[in-house]
Amino acid sequence: PEATVDVFAQALRRGDTATLRTLLAPDVLILEGGGAERSAEEYLGGHAISDAAFLKTAHIRQTARMAKTDGDLAWVATESDLHVE
């Protein structure tokens, strides 16, 4: 699962929505900044664009990561320092 998260993060930084679409379930629920996107199309058509623009010039340093799997369920939590100008 950690490799998949890394591929997702790299695609997001590039604004590569085709790759992002292959990694997100159609009915994904994305919680961020007090709001929610309730599908891959909703996220890719809106918030992903601004996320990619923000991350494009950001310096990101991963500070911690934890991952767990249980059967067909997996989650990854990553902490990072982000710096932008």
C-alpha atoms as a PDB file:
ATOM      1  CA  PRO A   1       0.000   0.000   0.000  1.00  0.00           C
ATOM      2  CA  GLU A   2       2.853   2.418   0.658  1.00  0.00           C
ATOM      3  CA  ALA A   3       4.119   2.135  -2.913  1.00  0.00           C
ATOM      4  CA  THR A   4       0.633   2.907  -4.207  1.00  0.00           C
ATOM      5  CA  VAL A   5       0.433   5.996  -1.990  1.00  0.00           C
ATOM      6  CA  ASP A   6       3.807   7.139  -3.335  1.00  0.00           C
ATOM      7  CA  VAL A   7       2.657   6.665  -6.955  1.00  0.00           C
ATOM      8  CA  PHE A   8      -0.511   8.629  -6.143  1.00  0.00           C
ATOM      9  CA  ALA A   9       1.470  11.471  -4.538  1.00  0.00           C
ATOM     10  CA  GLN A  10       3.853  11.700  -7.498  1.00  0.00           C
ATOM     11  CA  ALA A  11       0.959  11.702  -9.986  1.00  0.00           C
ATOM     12  CA  LEU A  12      -0.811  14.401  -7.990  1.00  0.00           C
ATOM     13  CA  ARG A  13       2.285  16.615  -8.021  1.00  0.00           C
ATOM     14  CA  ARG A  14       2.465  16.221 -11.806  1.00  0.00           C
ATOM     15  CA  GLY A  15      -1.247  16.871 -12.246  1.00  0.00           C
ATOM     16  CA  ASP A  16      -1.520  13.451 -13.913  1.00  0.00           C
ATOM     17  CA  THR A  17      -5.266  12.896 -13.591  1.00  0.00           C
ATOM     18  CA  ALA A  18      -5.170   9.796 -15.817  1.00  0.00           C
ATOM     19  CA  THR A  19      -2.955   7.989 -13.295  1.00  0.00           C
ATOM     20  CA  LEU A  20      -4.953   9.333 -10.365  1.00  0.00           C
ATOM     21  CA  ARG A  21      -8.155   8.001 -11.952  1.00  0.00           C
ATOM     22  CA  THR A  22      -6.661   4.478 -12.134  1.00  0.00           C
ATOM     23  CA  LEU A  23      -5.742   4.590  -8.434  1.00  0.00           C
ATOM     24  CA  LEU A  24      -9.047   5.902  -7.026  1.00  0.00           C
ATOM     25  CA  ALA A  25     -12.175   3.832  -6.573  1.00  0.00           C
ATOM     26  CA  PRO A  26     -15.124   5.511  -8.334  1.00  0.00           C
ATOM     27  CA  ASP A  27     -16.908   5.884  -4.974  1.00  0.00           C
ATOM     28  CA  VAL A  28     -13.875   7.114  -3.011  1.00  0.00           C
ATOM     29  CA  LEU A  29     -14.519   9.432  -0.067  1.00  0.00           C
ATOM     30  CA  ILE A  30     -11.837  12.103   0.331  1.00  0.00           C
ATOM     31  CA  LEU A  31     -11.853  14.120   3.550  1.00  0.00           C
ATOM     32  CA  GLU A  32      -9.663  17.201   3.559  1.00  0.00           C
ATOM     33  CA  GLY A  33      -9.726  20.587   5.204  1.00  0.00           C
ATOM     34  CA  GLY A  34     -13.162  20.116   6.748  1.00  0.00           C
ATOM     35  CA  GLY A  35     -14.785  19.225   3.429  1.00  0.00           C
ATOM     36  CA  ALA A  36     -15.475  16.077   1.460  1.00  0.00           C
ATOM     37  CA  GLU A  37     -15.449  14.866  -2.119  1.00  0.00           C
ATOM     38  CA  ARG A  38     -17.684  11.832  -2.530  1.00  0.00           C
ATOM     39  CA  SER A  39     -16.395  10.372  -5.790  1.00  0.00           C
ATOM     40  CA  ALA A  40     -13.265  10.176  -7.889  1.00  0.00           C
ATOM     41  CA  GLU A  41     -14.859  12.404 -10.529  1.00  0.00           C
ATOM     42  CA  GLU A  42     -15.772  15.046  -7.956  1.00  0.00           C
ATOM     43  CA  TYR A  43     -12.209  15.108  -6.605  1.00  0.00           C
ATOM     44  CA  LEU A  44     -10.503  14.982 -10.006  1.00  0.00           C
ATOM     45  CA  GLY A  45     -12.748  17.688 -11.401  1.00  0.00           C
ATOM     46  CA  GLY A  46     -12.071  20.141  -8.594  1.00  0.00           C
ATOM     47  CA  HIS A  47      -9.893  19.776  -5.542  1.00  0.00           C
ATOM     48  CA  ALA A  48      -7.233  17.639  -7.262  1.00  0.00           C
ATOM     49  CA  ILE A  49      -6.490  20.530  -9.613  1.00  0.00           C
ATOM     50  CA  SER A  50      -5.767  22.948  -6.770  1.00  0.00           C
ATOM     51  CA  ASP A  51      -3.881  20.256  -4.809  1.00  0.00           C
ATOM     52  CA  ALA A  52      -1.619  19.641  -7.832  1.00  0.00           C
ATOM     53  CA  ALA A  53      -0.982  23.359  -8.349  1.00  0.00           C
ATOM     54  CA  PHE A  54      -0.040  23.784  -4.672  1.00  0.00           C
ATOM     55  CA  LEU A  55       2.201  20.705  -4.566  1.00  0.00           C
ATOM     56  CA  LYS A  56       3.962  21.442  -7.859  1.00  0.00           C
ATOM     57  CA  THR A  57       6.353  23.932  -6.235  1.00  0.00           C
ATOM     58  CA  ALA A  58       6.301  22.585  -2.687  1.00  0.00           C
ATOM     59  CA  HIS A  59       9.319  21.114  -0.977  1.00  0.00           C
ATOM     60  CA  ILE A  60       8.066  18.028   0.860  1.00  0.00           C
ATOM     61  CA  ARG A  61       9.985  16.139   3.529  1.00  0.00           C
ATOM     62  CA  GLN A  62       8.344  13.014   4.897  1.00  0.00           C
ATOM     63  CA  THR A  63       8.734  12.844   8.670  1.00  0.00           C
ATOM     64  CA  ALA A  64       6.785   9.718   9.596  1.00  0.00           C
ATOM     65  CA  ARG A  65       4.739   6.940   8.035  1.00  0.00           C
ATOM     66  CA  MET A  66       2.592   4.139   9.362  1.00  0.00           C
ATOM     67  CA  ALA A  67       0.782   1.523   7.305  1.00  0.00           C
ATOM     68  CA  LYS A  68      -1.514  -1.354   8.225  1.00  0.00           C
ATOM     69  CA  THR A  69      -3.225  -4.074   6.244  1.00  0.00           C
ATOM     70  CA  ASP A  70      -6.018  -6.412   7.274  1.00  0.00           C
ATOM     71  CA  GLY A  71      -7.306  -8.698   4.558  1.00  0.00           C
ATOM     72  CA  ASP A  72      -8.304  -6.562   1.580  1.00  0.00           C
ATOM     73  CA  LEU A  73      -8.232  -3.328   3.600  1.00  0.00           C
ATOM     74  CA  ALA A  74      -5.129  -1.152   3.836  1.00  0.00           C
ATOM     75  CA  TRP A  75      -4.407   2.353   5.072  1.00  0.00           C
ATOM     76  CA  VAL A  76      -1.337   4.547   5.073  1.00  0.00           C
ATOM     77  CA  ALA A  77      -0.814   7.633   7.210  1.00  0.00           C
ATOM     78  CA  THR A  78       2.040   9.898   6.200  1.00  0.00           C
ATOM     79  CA  GLU A  79       3.263  12.981   8.034  1.00  0.00           C
ATOM     80  CA  SER A  80       5.298  15.534   6.116  1.00  0.00           C
ATOM     81  CA  ASP A  81       6.724  19.009   6.376  1.00  0.00           C
ATOM     82  CA  LEU A  82       5.670  21.160   3.418  1.00  0.00           C
ATOM     83  CA  HIS A  83       7.398  24.372   2.467  1.00  0.00           C
ATOM     84  CA  VAL A  84       6.270  26.694  -0.329  1.00  0.00           C
ATOM     85  CA  GLU A  85       7.265  30.175  -1.406  1.00  0.00           C
END
